[in-house]
Amino acid sequence: MQNASDSQKLEKLYERYEQKMYAVAFSILHNEWQAEDAVQDHS
């Protein structure tokens, strides 16, 4: 179970690496909509 501190840490990691994750997803999927969907925040 996540506590508030864990959630905040995950949010910071997501914000820090979102663009890099998108770039990797796009390089694999070759589709911007699928890459955005793969990287979107599901919390």
PDB file of N, CA and C in Angstrom:
ATOM      1  N   MET A   1       0.841  -1.185   0.000  1.00  0.00           N
ATOM      2  CA  MET A   1       0.000   0.000   0.000  1.00  0.00           C
ATOM      3  C   MET A   1       0.884   1.246   0.000  1.00  0.00           C
ATOM      4  N   GLN A   2       0.523   2.209  -0.854  1.00  0.00           N
ATOM      5  CA  GLN A   2       1.292   3.445  -0.945  1.00  0.00           C
ATOM      6  C   GLN A   2       0.786   4.462   0.059  1.00  0.00           C
ATOM      7  N   ASN A   3       1.740   5.172   0.661  1.00  0.00           N
ATOM      8  CA  ASN A   3       1.342   6.281   1.503  1.00  0.00           C
ATOM      9  C   ASN A   3       1.530   7.564   0.708  1.00  0.00           C
ATOM     10  N   ALA A   4       1.180   8.713   1.294  1.00  0.00           N
ATOM     11  CA  ALA A   4       1.261   9.996   0.595  1.00  0.00           C
ATOM     12  C   ALA A   4       2.680  10.303   0.150  1.00  0.00           C
ATOM     13  N   SER A   5       3.650   9.972   0.970  1.00  0.00           N
ATOM     14  CA  SER A   5       5.047  10.236   0.632  1.00  0.00           C
ATOM     15  C   SER A   5       5.470   9.438  -0.607  1.00  0.00           C
ATOM     16  N   ASP A   6       5.068   8.179  -0.685  1.00  0.00           N
ATOM     17  CA  ASP A   6       5.383   7.355  -1.849  1.00  0.00           C
ATOM     18  C   ASP A   6       4.728   7.937  -3.100  1.00  0.00           C
ATOM     19  N   SER A   7       3.501   8.358  -2.986  1.00  0.00           N
ATOM     20  CA  SER A   7       2.788   8.935  -4.126  1.00  0.00           C
ATOM     21  C   SER A   7       3.480  10.197  -4.618  1.00  0.00           C
ATOM     22  N   GLN A   8       3.937  11.018  -3.702  1.00  0.00           N
ATOM     23  CA  GLN A   8       4.637  12.248  -4.078  1.00  0.00           C
ATOM     24  C   GLN A   8       5.958  11.924  -4.779  1.00  0.00           C
ATOM     25  N   LYS A   9       6.660  10.920  -4.286  1.00  0.00           N
ATOM     26  CA  LYS A   9       7.922  10.511  -4.913  1.00  0.00           C
ATOM     27  C   LYS A   9       7.675  10.001  -6.330  1.00  0.00           C
ATOM     28  N   LEU A  10       6.640   9.188  -6.497  1.00  0.00           N
ATOM     29  CA  LEU A  10       6.317   8.676  -7.820  1.00  0.00           C
ATOM     30  C   LEU A  10       5.932   9.802  -8.776  1.00  0.00           C
ATOM     31  N   GLU A  11       5.180  10.773  -8.286  1.00  0.00           N
ATOM     32  CA  GLU A  11       4.777  11.916  -9.107  1.00  0.00           C
ATOM     33  C   GLU A  11       6.000  12.708  -9.561  1.00  0.00           C
ATOM     34  N   LYS A  12       6.954  12.921  -8.669  1.00  0.00           N
ATOM     35  CA  LYS A  12       8.172  13.643  -9.038  1.00  0.00           C
ATOM     36  C   LYS A  12       8.973  12.874 -10.081  1.00  0.00           C
ATOM     37  N   LEU A  13       9.079  11.558  -9.912  1.00  0.00           N
ATOM     38  CA  LEU A  13       9.778  10.741 -10.903  1.00  0.00           C
ATOM     39  C   LEU A  13       9.079  10.818 -12.262  1.00  0.00           C
ATOM     40  N   TYR A  14       7.761  10.734 -12.249  1.00  0.00           N
ATOM     41  CA  TYR A  14       6.992  10.827 -13.490  1.00  0.00           C
ATOM     42  C   TYR A  14       7.254  12.163 -14.176  1.00  0.00           C
ATOM     43  N   GLU A  15       7.179  13.256 -13.416  1.00  0.00           N
ATOM     44  CA  GLU A  15       7.401  14.577 -13.987  1.00  0.00           C
ATOM     45  C   GLU A  15       8.815  14.708 -14.549  1.00  0.00           C
ATOM     46  N   ARG A  16       9.787  14.151 -13.853  1.00  0.00           N
ATOM     47  CA  ARG A  16      11.184  14.260 -14.280  1.00  0.00           C
ATOM     48  C   ARG A  16      11.445  13.492 -15.574  1.00  0.00           C
ATOM     49  N   TYR A  17      10.835  12.320 -15.724  1.00  0.00           N
ATOM     50  CA  TYR A  17      11.173  11.434 -16.837  1.00  0.00           C
ATOM     51  C   TYR A  17      10.088  11.304 -17.912  1.00  0.00           C
ATOM     52  N   GLU A  18       9.018  12.057 -17.793  1.00  0.00           N
ATOM     53  CA  GLU A  18       7.908  11.928 -18.740  1.00  0.00           C
ATOM     54  C   GLU A  18       8.355  12.098 -20.195  1.00  0.00           C
ATOM     55  N   GLN A  19       9.116  13.127 -20.476  1.00  0.00           N
ATOM     56  CA  GLN A  19       9.541  13.380 -21.861  1.00  0.00           C
ATOM     57  C   GLN A  19      10.473  12.281 -22.378  1.00  0.00           C
ATOM     58  N   LYS A  20      11.362  11.807 -21.538  1.00  0.00           N
ATOM     59  CA  LYS A  20      12.260  10.725 -21.946  1.00  0.00           C
ATOM     60  C   LYS A  20      11.472   9.437 -22.179  1.00  0.00           C
ATOM     61  N   MET A  21      10.497   9.164 -21.313  1.00  0.00           N
ATOM     62  CA  MET A  21       9.674   7.967 -21.487  1.00  0.00           C
ATOM     63  C   MET A  21       8.881   8.058 -22.789  1.00  0.00           C
ATOM     64  N   TYR A  22       8.374   9.257 -23.084  1.00  0.00           N
ATOM     65  CA  TYR A  22       7.626   9.455 -24.330  1.00  0.00           C
ATOM     66  C   TYR A  22       8.538   9.199 -25.533  1.00  0.00           C
ATOM     67  N   ALA A  23       9.751   9.719 -25.493  1.00  0.00           N
ATOM     68  CA  ALA A  23      10.683   9.541 -26.606  1.00  0.00           C
ATOM     69  C   ALA A  23      10.974   8.061 -26.845  1.00  0.00           C
ATOM     70  N   VAL A  24      11.164   7.309 -25.779  1.00  0.00           N
ATOM     71  CA  VAL A  24      11.414   5.870 -25.915  1.00  0.00           C
ATOM     72  C   VAL A  24      10.171   5.170 -26.470  1.00  0.00           C
ATOM     73  N   ALA A  25       9.010   5.492 -25.914  1.00  0.00           N
ATOM     74  CA  ALA A  25       7.769   4.870 -26.378  1.00  0.00           C
ATOM     75  C   ALA A  25       7.529   5.181 -27.855  1.00  0.00           C
ATOM     76  N   PHE A  26       7.773   6.430 -28.257  1.00  0.00           N
ATOM     77  CA  PHE A  26       7.570   6.801 -29.654  1.00  0.00           C
ATOM     78  C   PHE A  26       8.551   6.085 -30.570  1.00  0.00           C
ATOM     79  N   SER A  27       9.797   5.930 -30.111  1.00  0.00           N
ATOM     80  CA  SER A  27      10.796   5.243 -30.944  1.00  0.00           C
ATOM     81  C   SER A  27      10.434   3.775 -31.147  1.00  0.00           C
ATOM     82  N   ILE A  28       9.715   3.204 -30.208  1.00  0.00           N
ATOM     83  CA  ILE A  28       9.289   1.804 -30.324  1.00  0.00           C
ATOM     84  C   ILE A  28       7.991   1.687 -31.114  1.00  0.00           C
ATOM     85  N   LEU A  29       7.033   2.565 -30.796  1.00  0.00           N
ATOM     86  CA  LEU A  29       5.690   2.440 -31.365  1.00  0.00           C
ATOM     87  C   LEU A  29       5.499   3.162 -32.700  1.00  0.00           C
ATOM     88  N   HIS A  30       6.296   4.205 -32.942  1.00  0.00           N
ATOM     89  CA  HIS A  30       6.190   5.007 -34.178  1.00  0.00           C
ATOM     90  C   HIS A  30       4.789   5.581 -34.362  1.00  0.00           C
ATOM     91  N   ASN A  31       4.152   5.902 -33.249  1.00  0.00           N
ATOM     92  CA  ASN A  31       2.809   6.470 -33.289  1.00  0.00           C
ATOM     93  C   ASN A  31       2.650   7.375 -32.081  1.00  0.00           C
ATOM     94  N   GLU A  32       2.380   8.665 -32.319  1.00  0.00           N
ATOM     95  CA  GLU A  32       2.350   9.605 -31.200  1.00  0.00           C
ATOM     96  C   GLU A  32       1.205   9.337 -30.230  1.00  0.00           C
ATOM     97  N   TRP A  33       0.041   8.910 -30.740  1.00  0.00           N
ATOM     98  CA  TRP A  33      -1.102   8.666 -29.854  1.00  0.00           C
ATOM     99  C   TRP A  33      -0.839   7.464 -28.941  1.00  0.00           C
ATOM    100  N   GLN A  34      -0.267   6.404 -29.512  1.00  0.00           N
ATOM    101  CA  GLN A  34       0.041   5.225 -28.705  1.00  0.00           C
ATOM    102  C   GLN A  34       1.140   5.526 -27.697  1.00  0.00           C
ATOM    103  N   ALA A  35       2.127   6.329 -28.103  1.00  0.00           N
ATOM    104  CA  ALA A  35       3.218   6.697 -27.187  1.00  0.00           C
ATOM    105  C   ALA A  35       2.673   7.529 -26.035  1.00  0.00           C
ATOM    106  N   GLU A  36       1.789   8.475 -26.331  1.00  0.00           N
ATOM    107  CA  GLU A  36       1.181   9.282 -25.270  1.00  0.00           C
ATOM    108  C   GLU A  36       0.380   8.406 -24.312  1.00  0.00           C
ATOM    109  N   ASP A  37      -0.371   7.465 -24.876  1.00  0.00           N
ATOM    110  CA  ASP A  37      -1.172   6.567 -24.049  1.00  0.00           C
ATOM    111  C   ASP A  37      -0.281   5.695 -23.162  1.00  0.00           C
ATOM    112  N   ALA A  38       0.831   5.238 -23.714  1.00  0.00           N
ATOM    113  CA  ALA A  38       1.743   4.382 -22.946  1.00  0.00           C
ATOM    114  C   ALA A  38       2.383   5.129 -21.773  1.00  0.00           C
ATOM    115  N   VAL A  39       2.572   6.436 -21.940  1.00  0.00           N
ATOM    116  CA  VAL A  39       3.301   7.219 -20.941  1.00  0.00           C
ATOM    117  C   VAL A  39       2.375   7.970 -19.993  1.00  0.00           C
ATOM    118  N   GLN A  40       1.109   8.081 -20.322  1.00  0.00           N
ATOM    119  CA  GLN A  40       0.217   8.894 -19.488  1.00  0.00           C
ATOM    120  C   GLN A  40       0.182   8.407 -18.054  1.00  0.00           C
ATOM    121  N   ASP A  41      -0.078   9.348 -17.160  1.00  0.00           N
ATOM    122  CA  ASP A  41      -0.144   9.069 -15.723  1.00  0.00           C
ATOM    123  C   ASP A  41      -1.455   8.354 -15.430  1.00  0.00           C
ATOM    124  N   HIS A  42      -1.371   7.124 -14.930  1.00  0.00           N
ATOM    125  CA  HIS A  42      -2.570   6.316 -14.644  1.00  0.00           C
ATOM    126  C   HIS A  42      -2.947   6.309 -13.184  1.00  0.00           C
ATOM    127  N   SER A  43      -2.449   7.270 -12.425  1.00  0.00           N
ATOM    128  CA  SER A  43      -2.736   7.230 -10.975  1.00  0.00           C
ATOM    129  C   SER A  43      -4.116   7.770 -10.655  1.00  0.00           C
TER     130      SER A  43
END
